Structures are given as structure tokens and as C-alpha cells.
Amino acid sequence: MENKKYSANKDEFYPPVPTRWTKFFRTCFLVQIYKFFRLNLKIMLIVVKGHS
């Protein structure tokens, strides 16, 4: 058997840091409102198709 040594200080053990644009899209109120209504529209379309 091969002995493998792991180091906890490697870069691959740290999570990726979100970019400026990622932070913007996560916190922008208008983007969140758009996503909210888009999701609700998708759900309503599924419900309407199921009831017809």
C-alpha cells in the first residue's frame, strides 16, 4: 500500500471566492425580484398544465 500525505494548507482545500459580479447578482434587489417572478411563473405554468 502506498502512503499518501495530505496537507490541509493547499489552495484546493479553500472554497472559491465569489467575483464582484457574483456578489452583485446575489445582492441586487432588482435581480432578486426578477428571479422571484420568473420562478413563480414557472411554477404557475406547471400547475396550470396539471389542471387542464
PDB file of N, CA and C in Angstrom:
ATOM      1  N   MET A   1       0.833  -1.182   0.000  1.00  0.00           N
ATOM      2  CA  MET A   1       0.000   0.000   0.000  1.00  0.00           C
ATOM      3  C   MET A   1       0.878   1.246   0.000  1.00  0.00           C
ATOM      4  N   GLU A   2       0.364   2.227  -0.608  1.00  0.00           N
ATOM      5  CA  GLU A   2       1.096   3.477  -0.754  1.00  0.00           C
ATOM      6  C   GLU A   2       0.666   4.458   0.327  1.00  0.00           C
ATOM      7  N   ASN A   3       1.638   5.064   0.981  1.00  0.00           N
ATOM      8  CA  ASN A   3       1.324   6.071   1.996  1.00  0.00           C
ATOM      9  C   ASN A   3       1.163   7.420   1.319  1.00  0.00           C
ATOM     10  N   LYS A   4       0.007   8.025   1.480  1.00  0.00           N
ATOM     11  CA  LYS A   4      -0.256   9.334   0.893  1.00  0.00           C
ATOM     12  C   LYS A   4      -0.293  10.374   2.004  1.00  0.00           C
ATOM     13  N   LYS A   5       0.383  11.469   1.780  1.00  0.00           N
ATOM     14  CA  LYS A   5       0.379  12.543   2.757  1.00  0.00           C
ATOM     15  C   LYS A   5      -0.493  13.671   2.232  1.00  0.00           C
ATOM     16  N   TYR A   6      -1.361  14.161   3.078  1.00  0.00           N
ATOM     17  CA  TYR A   6      -2.243  15.251   2.712  1.00  0.00           C
ATOM     18  C   TYR A   6      -1.893  16.469   3.549  1.00  0.00           C
ATOM     19  N   SER A   7      -1.900  17.593   2.897  1.00  0.00           N
ATOM     20  CA  SER A   7      -1.654  18.841   3.596  1.00  0.00           C
ATOM     21  C   SER A   7      -2.935  19.670   3.562  1.00  0.00           C
ATOM     22  N   ALA A   8      -3.334  20.182   4.708  1.00  0.00           N
ATOM     23  CA  ALA A   8      -4.577  20.942   4.788  1.00  0.00           C
ATOM     24  C   ALA A   8      -4.393  22.387   4.351  1.00  0.00           C
ATOM     25  N   ASN A   9      -3.197  22.757   3.958  1.00  0.00           N
ATOM     26  CA  ASN A   9      -2.943  24.145   3.597  1.00  0.00           C
ATOM     27  C   ASN A   9      -2.872  24.371   2.093  1.00  0.00           C
ATOM     28  N   LYS A  10      -3.263  23.405   1.318  1.00  0.00           N
ATOM     29  CA  LYS A  10      -3.244  23.568  -0.136  1.00  0.00           C
ATOM     30  C   LYS A  10      -4.382  24.476  -0.574  1.00  0.00           C
ATOM     31  N   ASP A  11      -4.214  25.125  -1.706  1.00  0.00           N
ATOM     32  CA  ASP A  11      -5.245  26.019  -2.221  1.00  0.00           C
ATOM     33  C   ASP A  11      -6.537  25.290  -2.560  1.00  0.00           C
ATOM     34  N   GLU A  12      -6.447  24.034  -2.920  1.00  0.00           N
ATOM     35  CA  GLU A  12      -7.646  23.307  -3.333  1.00  0.00           C
ATOM     36  C   GLU A  12      -8.584  23.003  -2.167  1.00  0.00           C
ATOM     37  N   PHE A  13      -8.131  23.185  -0.945  1.00  0.00           N
ATOM     38  CA  PHE A  13      -8.987  22.944   0.212  1.00  0.00           C
ATOM     39  C   PHE A  13      -9.789  24.179   0.614  1.00  0.00           C
ATOM     40  N   TYR A  14      -9.516  25.311   0.012  1.00  0.00           N
ATOM     41  CA  TYR A  14     -10.235  26.537   0.318  1.00  0.00           C
ATOM     42  C   TYR A  14     -11.342  26.750  -0.708  1.00  0.00           C
ATOM     43  N   PRO A  15     -12.505  27.249  -0.276  1.00  0.00           N
ATOM     44  CA  PRO A  15     -13.596  27.479  -1.223  1.00  0.00           C
ATOM     45  C   PRO A  15     -13.266  28.628  -2.169  1.00  0.00           C
ATOM     46  N   PRO A  16     -13.839  28.628  -3.363  1.00  0.00           N
ATOM     47  CA  PRO A  16     -13.606  29.737  -4.278  1.00  0.00           C
ATOM     48  C   PRO A  16     -14.262  31.025  -3.771  1.00  0.00           C
ATOM     49  N   VAL A  17     -13.600  32.111  -3.991  1.00  0.00           N
ATOM     50  CA  VAL A  17     -14.117  33.411  -3.568  1.00  0.00           C
ATOM     51  C   VAL A  17     -14.987  33.959  -4.696  1.00  0.00           C
ATOM     52  N   PRO A  18     -16.227  34.381  -4.389  1.00  0.00           N
ATOM     53  CA  PRO A  18     -17.095  34.897  -5.452  1.00  0.00           C
ATOM     54  C   PRO A  18     -16.536  36.188  -6.051  1.00  0.00           C
ATOM     55  N   THR A  19     -16.776  36.347  -7.343  1.00  0.00           N
ATOM     56  CA  THR A  19     -16.309  37.542  -8.035  1.00  0.00           C
ATOM     57  C   THR A  19     -17.221  38.724  -7.689  1.00  0.00           C
ATOM     58  N   ARG A  20     -16.812  39.901  -8.156  1.00  0.00           N
ATOM     59  CA  ARG A  20     -17.604  41.102  -7.899  1.00  0.00           C
ATOM     60  C   ARG A  20     -18.989  40.989  -8.525  1.00  0.00           C
ATOM     61  N   TRP A  21     -19.053  40.438  -9.750  1.00  0.00           N
ATOM     62  CA  TRP A  21     -20.351  40.295 -10.429  1.00  0.00           C
ATOM     63  C   TRP A  21     -21.243  39.288  -9.722  1.00  0.00           C
ATOM     64  N   THR A  22     -20.658  38.204  -9.221  1.00  0.00           N
ATOM     65  CA  THR A  22     -21.438  37.209  -8.492  1.00  0.00           C
ATOM     66  C   THR A  22     -22.051  37.826  -7.241  1.00  0.00           C
ATOM     67  N   LYS A  23     -21.264  38.583  -6.513  1.00  0.00           N
ATOM     68  CA  LYS A  23     -21.783  39.260  -5.325  1.00  0.00           C
ATOM     69  C   LYS A  23     -22.892  40.243  -5.696  1.00  0.00           C
ATOM     70  N   PHE A  24     -22.697  40.963  -6.804  1.00  0.00           N
ATOM     71  CA  PHE A  24     -23.709  41.924  -7.249  1.00  0.00           C
ATOM     72  C   PHE A  24     -25.028  41.232  -7.551  1.00  0.00           C
ATOM     73  N   PHE A  25     -24.981  40.132  -8.320  1.00  0.00           N
ATOM     74  CA  PHE A  25     -26.220  39.449  -8.699  1.00  0.00           C
ATOM     75  C   PHE A  25     -26.892  38.786  -7.501  1.00  0.00           C
ATOM     76  N   ARG A  26     -26.128  38.411  -6.503  1.00  0.00           N
ATOM     77  CA  ARG A  26     -26.721  37.809  -5.311  1.00  0.00           C
ATOM     78  C   ARG A  26     -27.391  38.832  -4.414  1.00  0.00           C
ATOM     79  N   THR A  27     -26.924  40.068  -4.451  1.00  0.00           N
ATOM     80  CA  THR A  27     -27.431  41.073  -3.510  1.00  0.00           C
ATOM     81  C   THR A  27     -28.303  42.144  -4.159  1.00  0.00           C
ATOM     82  N   CYS A  28     -28.338  42.225  -5.474  1.00  0.00           N
ATOM     83  CA  CYS A  28     -29.111  43.257  -6.153  1.00  0.00           C
ATOM     84  C   CYS A  28     -30.613  42.969  -6.011  1.00  0.00           C
ATOM     85  N   PHE A  29     -31.321  43.933  -5.490  1.00  0.00           N
ATOM     86  CA  PHE A  29     -32.750  43.767  -5.238  1.00  0.00           C
ATOM     87  C   PHE A  29     -33.532  43.534  -6.528  1.00  0.00           C
ATOM     88  N   LEU A  30     -33.217  44.273  -7.589  1.00  0.00           N
ATOM     89  CA  LEU A  30     -33.948  44.127  -8.852  1.00  0.00           C
ATOM     90  C   LEU A  30     -33.736  42.744  -9.476  1.00  0.00           C
ATOM     91  N   VAL A  31     -32.529  42.229  -9.381  1.00  0.00           N
ATOM     92  CA  VAL A  31     -32.252  40.890  -9.909  1.00  0.00           C
ATOM     93  C   VAL A  31     -33.031  39.848  -9.119  1.00  0.00           C
ATOM     94  N   GLN A  32     -33.094  40.024  -7.798  1.00  0.00           N
ATOM     95  CA  GLN A  32     -33.819  39.074  -6.969  1.00  0.00           C
ATOM     96  C   GLN A  32     -35.329  39.113  -7.238  1.00  0.00           C
ATOM     97  N   ILE A  33     -35.872  40.283  -7.472  1.00  0.00           N
ATOM     98  CA  ILE A  33     -37.292  40.411  -7.828  1.00  0.00           C
ATOM     99  C   ILE A  33     -37.566  39.704  -9.153  1.00  0.00           C
ATOM    100  N   TYR A  34     -36.674  39.907 -10.135  1.00  0.00           N
ATOM    101  CA  TYR A  34     -36.825  39.255 -11.432  1.00  0.00           C
ATOM    102  C   TYR A  34     -36.803  37.727 -11.271  1.00  0.00           C
ATOM    103  N   LYS A  35     -35.845  37.220 -10.510  1.00  0.00           N
ATOM    104  CA  LYS A  35     -35.750  35.766 -10.303  1.00  0.00           C
ATOM    105  C   LYS A  35     -36.971  35.228  -9.577  1.00  0.00           C
ATOM    106  N   PHE A  36     -37.493  36.007  -8.633  1.00  0.00           N
ATOM    107  CA  PHE A  36     -38.671  35.598  -7.882  1.00  0.00           C
ATOM    108  C   PHE A  36     -39.877  35.427  -8.807  1.00  0.00           C
ATOM    109  N   PHE A  37     -40.127  36.433  -9.645  1.00  0.00           N
ATOM    110  CA  PHE A  37     -41.282  36.353 -10.550  1.00  0.00           C
ATOM    111  C   PHE A  37     -41.085  35.304 -11.637  1.00  0.00           C
ATOM    112  N   ARG A  38     -39.857  35.121 -12.093  1.00  0.00           N
ATOM    113  CA  ARG A  38     -39.586  34.086 -13.099  1.00  0.00           C
ATOM    114  C   ARG A  38     -39.869  32.703 -12.522  1.00  0.00           C
ATOM    115  N   LEU A  39     -39.433  32.460 -11.287  1.00  0.00           N
ATOM    116  CA  LEU A  39     -39.690  31.175 -10.641  1.00  0.00           C
ATOM    117  C   LEU A  39     -41.184  30.968 -10.420  1.00  0.00           C
ATOM    118  N   ASN A  40     -41.886  32.006  -9.966  1.00  0.00           N
ATOM    119  CA  ASN A  40     -43.331  31.895  -9.760  1.00  0.00           C
ATOM    120  C   ASN A  40     -44.068  31.611 -11.064  1.00  0.00           C
ATOM    121  N   LEU A  41     -43.627  32.236 -12.156  1.00  0.00           N
ATOM    122  CA  LEU A  41     -44.240  31.974 -13.454  1.00  0.00           C
ATOM    123  C   LEU A  41     -44.043  30.522 -13.873  1.00  0.00           C
ATOM    124  N   LYS A  42     -42.833  29.992 -13.665  1.00  0.00           N
ATOM    125  CA  LYS A  42     -42.574  28.588 -13.994  1.00  0.00           C
ATOM    126  C   LYS A  42     -43.481  27.662 -13.189  1.00  0.00           C
ATOM    127  N   ILE A  43     -43.615  27.944 -11.909  1.00  0.00           N
ATOM    128  CA  ILE A  43     -44.450  27.099 -11.054  1.00  0.00           C
ATOM    129  C   ILE A  43     -45.908  27.187 -11.479  1.00  0.00           C
ATOM    130  N   MET A  44     -46.376  28.393 -11.789  1.00  0.00           N
ATOM    131  CA  MET A  44     -47.768  28.550 -12.219  1.00  0.00           C
ATOM    132  C   MET A  44     -48.033  27.833 -13.524  1.00  0.00           C
ATOM    133  N   LEU A  45     -47.070  27.847 -14.451  1.00  0.00           N
ATOM    134  CA  LEU A  45     -47.251  27.123 -15.713  1.00  0.00           C
ATOM    135  C   LEU A  45     -47.362  25.626 -15.468  1.00  0.00           C
ATOM    136  N   ILE A  46     -46.583  25.098 -14.549  1.00  0.00           N
ATOM    137  CA  ILE A  46     -46.668  23.670 -14.218  1.00  0.00           C
ATOM    138  C   ILE A  46     -48.017  23.340 -13.598  1.00  0.00           C
ATOM    139  N   VAL A  47     -48.488  24.213 -12.699  1.00  0.00           N
ATOM    140  CA  VAL A  47     -49.777  23.988 -12.045  1.00  0.00           C
ATOM    141  C   VAL A  47     -50.913  24.055 -13.051  1.00  0.00           C
ATOM    142  N   VAL A  48     -50.883  25.039 -13.946  1.00  0.00           N
ATOM    143  CA  VAL A  48     -51.948  25.198 -14.941  1.00  0.00           C
ATOM    144  C   VAL A  48     -51.961  24.014 -15.900  1.00  0.00           C
ATOM    145  N   LYS A  49     -50.811  23.530 -16.321  1.00  0.00           N
ATOM    146  CA  LYS A  49     -50.776  22.368 -17.211  1.00  0.00           C
ATOM    147  C   LYS A  49     -51.309  21.131 -16.517  1.00  0.00           C
ATOM    148  N   GLY A  50     -51.085  21.015 -15.222  1.00  0.00           N
ATOM    149  CA  GLY A  50     -51.561  19.850 -14.475  1.00  0.00           C
ATOM    150  C   GLY A  50     -53.056  19.854 -14.258  1.00  0.00           C
ATOM    151  N   HIS A  51     -53.681  21.020 -14.268  1.00  0.00           N
ATOM    152  CA  HIS A  51     -55.121  21.124 -14.021  1.00  0.00           C
ATOM    153  C   HIS A  51     -55.951  21.139 -15.303  1.00  0.00           C
ATOM    154  N   SER A  52     -55.315  21.126 -16.434  1.00  0.00           N
ATOM    155  CA  SER A  52     -56.095  21.173 -17.676  1.00  0.00           C
ATOM    156  C   SER A  52     -56.260  19.804 -18.304  1.00  0.00           C
TER     157      SER A  52
END
